[in-house]
């Protein structure tokens, strides 16, 4: 598994290097008078990719928090339902004890 990981990383690094060497053309970015930048094409593409990775990671974190909250609510519901089942079993057992074994057998035979 480590060998496969190493091969993938090496191929990715080679791709990044060759992509950078092939796309060195300077590109001018301008947004009205606020911003005027000249940078190589590969740099702009990598920055856009990095922004996408960061945004996706942030959305994943938000989703994880939301799912953890849902899991907590569901676990609380499960605990409450188990408590109710346990309490209802205790009530049934206590009712049988109050009726006595003879009464219980006569009610079952009906």
Protein backbone atom coordinates (compact mmCIF):
# COMPACT_ATOMS: atom_id res chain seq x y z
CA UNK A 1 0.00 0.00 0.00
CA UNK A 2 2.87 2.34 0.81
CA UNK A 3 4.38 1.70 -2.64
CA UNK A 4 1.12 2.61 -4.38
CA UNK A 5 0.86 5.80 -2.32
CA UNK A 6 4.46 6.72 -3.19
CA UNK A 7 3.89 6.10 -6.90
CA UNK A 8 0.75 8.25 -6.88
CA UNK A 9 2.52 11.09 -5.07
CA UNK A 10 5.47 10.96 -7.49
CA UNK A 11 3.12 11.04 -10.50
CA UNK A 12 1.22 13.95 -9.02
CA UNK A 13 4.43 15.90 -8.38
CA UNK A 14 5.63 15.20 -11.95
CA UNK A 15 2.29 16.41 -13.30
CA UNK A 16 2.49 19.63 -11.27
CA UNK A 17 6.07 20.29 -12.40
CA UNK A 18 5.40 19.64 -16.09
CA UNK A 19 2.15 21.62 -15.96
CA UNK A 20 3.99 24.56 -14.39
CA UNK A 21 6.76 24.46 -16.99
CA UNK A 22 4.28 24.40 -19.89
CA UNK A 23 2.03 27.22 -18.61
CA UNK A 24 4.40 30.07 -17.76
CA UNK A 25 2.61 32.68 -19.87
CA UNK A 26 1.93 35.77 -17.73
CA UNK A 27 -1.71 36.67 -17.34
CA UNK A 28 -2.98 40.02 -16.12
CA UNK A 29 -5.84 40.06 -13.64
CA UNK A 30 -7.66 43.32 -13.13
CA UNK A 31 -10.74 44.19 -11.11
CA UNK A 32 -11.62 47.83 -11.69
CA UNK A 33 -9.12 49.92 -9.74
CA UNK A 34 -9.00 47.68 -6.68
CA UNK A 35 -6.62 45.13 -8.02
CA UNK A 36 -4.21 44.72 -10.87
CA UNK A 37 -1.93 41.65 -10.81
CA UNK A 38 0.20 39.86 -13.35
CA UNK A 39 1.00 36.21 -12.59
CA UNK A 40 1.86 33.05 -14.54
CA UNK A 41 -1.08 30.98 -15.74
CA UNK A 42 -0.09 27.94 -13.68
CA UNK A 43 -0.01 30.03 -10.50
CA UNK A 44 -3.54 31.30 -11.08
CA UNK A 45 -4.79 27.79 -11.78
CA UNK A 46 -3.12 26.43 -8.64
CA UNK A 47 -4.54 29.27 -6.54
CA UNK A 48 -8.03 28.60 -7.91
CA UNK A 49 -7.59 24.89 -7.18
CA UNK A 50 -6.36 25.61 -3.66
CA UNK A 51 -9.35 27.89 -3.02
CA UNK A 52 -11.64 25.08 -4.15
CA UNK A 53 -9.92 22.59 -1.86
CA UNK A 54 -10.20 24.96 1.11
CA UNK A 55 -13.87 25.72 0.37
CA UNK A 56 -14.69 22.03 0.00
CA UNK A 57 -12.87 21.24 3.25
CA UNK A 58 -14.80 23.97 5.04
CA UNK A 59 -18.09 22.61 3.70
CA UNK A 60 -17.07 19.12 4.85
CA UNK A 61 -16.39 20.42 8.35
CA UNK A 62 -19.77 22.16 8.46
CA UNK A 63 -21.49 18.98 7.27
CA UNK A 64 -19.64 16.91 9.88
CA UNK A 65 -20.81 19.24 12.68
CA UNK A 66 -24.38 19.04 11.38
CA UNK A 67 -24.25 15.25 11.24
CA UNK A 68 -22.76 15.04 14.75
CA UNK A 69 -25.62 17.18 16.04
CA UNK A 70 -28.14 14.90 14.31
CA UNK A 71 -26.43 11.81 15.76
CA UNK A 72 -26.59 13.33 19.25
CA UNK A 73 -30.31 14.03 18.89
CA UNK A 74 -30.96 10.50 17.63
CA UNK A 75 -28.92 8.96 20.46
CA UNK A 76 -30.92 11.01 22.96
CA UNK A 77 -34.15 9.74 21.39
CA UNK A 78 -32.89 6.15 21.57
CA UNK A 79 -32.03 6.57 25.27
CA UNK A 80 -35.49 7.99 25.99
CA UNK A 81 -37.21 5.16 24.11
CA UNK A 82 -35.14 2.53 25.91
CA UNK A 83 -36.08 4.15 29.23
CA UNK A 84 -39.75 4.03 28.25
CA UNK A 85 -39.49 0.34 27.28
CA UNK A 86 -37.72 -0.49 30.52
CA UNK A 87 -40.32 1.42 32.58
CA UNK A 88 -43.21 -0.27 30.76
CA UNK A 89 -41.65 -3.70 31.42
CA UNK A 90 -41.40 -2.82 35.11
CA UNK A 91 -45.06 -1.80 35.13
CA UNK A 92 -46.10 -5.12 33.52
CA UNK A 93 -44.04 -7.11 36.01
CA UNK A 94 -45.44 -5.16 38.97
CA UNK A 95 -49.03 -5.67 37.70
CA UNK A 96 -48.43 -9.43 37.45
CA UNK A 97 -47.08 -9.48 41.00
CA UNK A 98 -50.17 -7.63 42.25
CA UNK A 99 -52.55 -10.07 40.49
CA UNK A 100 -50.72 -13.07 41.83
CA UNK A 101 -49.77 -16.28 40.02
CA UNK A 102 -53.27 -17.83 40.26
CA UNK A 103 -54.97 -14.79 38.77
CA UNK A 104 -52.35 -14.58 36.04
CA UNK A 105 -52.93 -18.22 35.00
CA UNK A 106 -56.69 -17.80 34.94
CA UNK A 107 -56.43 -14.71 32.73
CA UNK A 108 -54.14 -16.55 30.30
CA UNK A 109 -56.55 -19.46 29.90
CA UNK A 110 -59.43 -17.24 28.79
